[in-house]
């Protein structure tokens, strides 16, 4: 069971956000090198939290 007040992102959410930013930058840079003009980039990521699996590390 997670602890805290649920006022911030879980570490998994932070990793997904960083990965999404990395993908977006990579897409934009590759498009620029190829001379492709992008009006918009949208990246949607989804992940799962395996709490029973992570609790083993804290024993």
C-alpha atoms as a PDB file:
ATOM      1  CA  UNK A   1       0.000   0.000   0.000  1.00  0.00           C
ATOM      2  CA  UNK A   2       1.439   3.415  -0.949  1.00  0.00           C
ATOM      3  CA  UNK A   3       2.263   5.838   1.818  1.00  0.00           C
ATOM      4  CA  UNK A   4       1.895   9.601   1.843  1.00  0.00           C
ATOM      5  CA  UNK A   5      -0.796  12.124   1.054  1.00  0.00           C
ATOM      6  CA  UNK A   6      -1.096  11.461  -2.704  1.00  0.00           C
ATOM      7  CA  UNK A   7      -0.113  15.045  -3.564  1.00  0.00           C
ATOM      8  CA  UNK A   8       2.790  14.250  -5.901  1.00  0.00           C
ATOM      9  CA  UNK A   9       3.561  11.890  -8.744  1.00  0.00           C
ATOM     10  CA  UNK A  10       4.752   8.341  -8.139  1.00  0.00           C
ATOM     11  CA  UNK A  11       8.317   7.633  -9.277  1.00  0.00           C
ATOM     12  CA  UNK A  12       6.936   5.532 -12.134  1.00  0.00           C
ATOM     13  CA  UNK A  13       4.942   8.528 -13.335  1.00  0.00           C
ATOM     14  CA  UNK A  14       8.078  10.676 -13.241  1.00  0.00           C
ATOM     15  CA  UNK A  15       9.945   8.094 -15.330  1.00  0.00           C
ATOM     16  CA  UNK A  16       7.116   8.007 -17.876  1.00  0.00           C
ATOM     17  CA  UNK A  17       7.150  11.815 -18.068  1.00  0.00           C
ATOM     18  CA  UNK A  18      10.907  11.855 -18.652  1.00  0.00           C
ATOM     19  CA  UNK A  19      10.605   9.110 -21.285  1.00  0.00           C
ATOM     20  CA  UNK A  20       7.817  11.038 -23.028  1.00  0.00           C
ATOM     21  CA  UNK A  21       9.940  14.196 -23.079  1.00  0.00           C
ATOM     22  CA  UNK A  22      12.877  12.231 -24.505  1.00  0.00           C
ATOM     23  CA  UNK A  23      10.711  10.728 -27.251  1.00  0.00           C
ATOM     24  CA  UNK A  24       9.233  14.113 -28.135  1.00  0.00           C
ATOM     25  CA  UNK A  25      12.639  15.768 -28.405  1.00  0.00           C
ATOM     26  CA  UNK A  26      13.935  12.886 -30.501  1.00  0.00           C
ATOM     27  CA  UNK A  27      10.969  13.088 -32.892  1.00  0.00           C
ATOM     28  CA  UNK A  28      11.313  16.866 -33.216  1.00  0.00           C
ATOM     29  CA  UNK A  29      15.075  16.723 -33.822  1.00  0.00           C
ATOM     30  CA  UNK A  30      14.781  13.963 -36.423  1.00  0.00           C
ATOM     31  CA  UNK A  31      12.007  15.839 -38.204  1.00  0.00           C
ATOM     32  CA  UNK A  32      14.104  19.035 -38.238  1.00  0.00           C
ATOM     33  CA  UNK A  33      17.124  17.210 -39.690  1.00  0.00           C
ATOM     34  CA  UNK A  34      14.908  15.796 -42.456  1.00  0.00           C
ATOM     35  CA  UNK A  35      13.320  19.183 -43.144  1.00  0.00           C
ATOM     36  CA  UNK A  36       9.886  18.108 -41.926  1.00  0.00           C
ATOM     37  CA  UNK A  37       7.822  20.903 -40.375  1.00  0.00           C
ATOM     38  CA  UNK A  38       5.850  19.711 -37.344  1.00  0.00           C
ATOM     39  CA  UNK A  39       2.852  21.683 -36.143  1.00  0.00           C
ATOM     40  CA  UNK A  40       2.215  19.498 -33.115  1.00  0.00           C
ATOM     41  CA  UNK A  41       3.577  16.447 -31.339  1.00  0.00           C
ATOM     42  CA  UNK A  42       1.539  14.430 -28.871  1.00  0.00           C
ATOM     43  CA  UNK A  43       2.897  11.457 -26.960  1.00  0.00           C
ATOM     44  CA  UNK A  44       0.644   9.359 -24.756  1.00  0.00           C
ATOM     45  CA  UNK A  45       2.269   6.861 -22.400  1.00  0.00           C
ATOM     46  CA  UNK A  46       0.746   4.361 -20.049  1.00  0.00           C
ATOM     47  CA  UNK A  47       2.338   2.285 -17.335  1.00  0.00           C
ATOM     48  CA  UNK A  48       1.533  -0.070 -14.513  1.00  0.00           C
ATOM     49  CA  UNK A  49       2.706  -0.036 -10.925  1.00  0.00           C
ATOM     50  CA  UNK A  50       3.507  -3.464  -9.491  1.00  0.00           C
ATOM     51  CA  UNK A  51       3.375  -2.724  -5.774  1.00  0.00           C
ATOM     52  CA  UNK A  52       3.597  -6.359  -4.609  1.00  0.00           C
ATOM     53  CA  UNK A  53       6.745  -6.758  -6.713  1.00  0.00           C
ATOM     54  CA  UNK A  54       8.379  -3.617  -5.352  1.00  0.00           C
ATOM     55  CA  UNK A  55       7.769  -4.429  -1.712  1.00  0.00           C
ATOM     56  CA  UNK A  56      10.263  -7.282  -1.949  1.00  0.00           C
ATOM     57  CA  UNK A  57      13.083  -4.747  -2.211  1.00  0.00           C
ATOM     58  CA  UNK A  58      12.243  -3.243   1.161  1.00  0.00           C
ATOM     59  CA  UNK A  59      12.377  -6.434   3.216  1.00  0.00           C
END
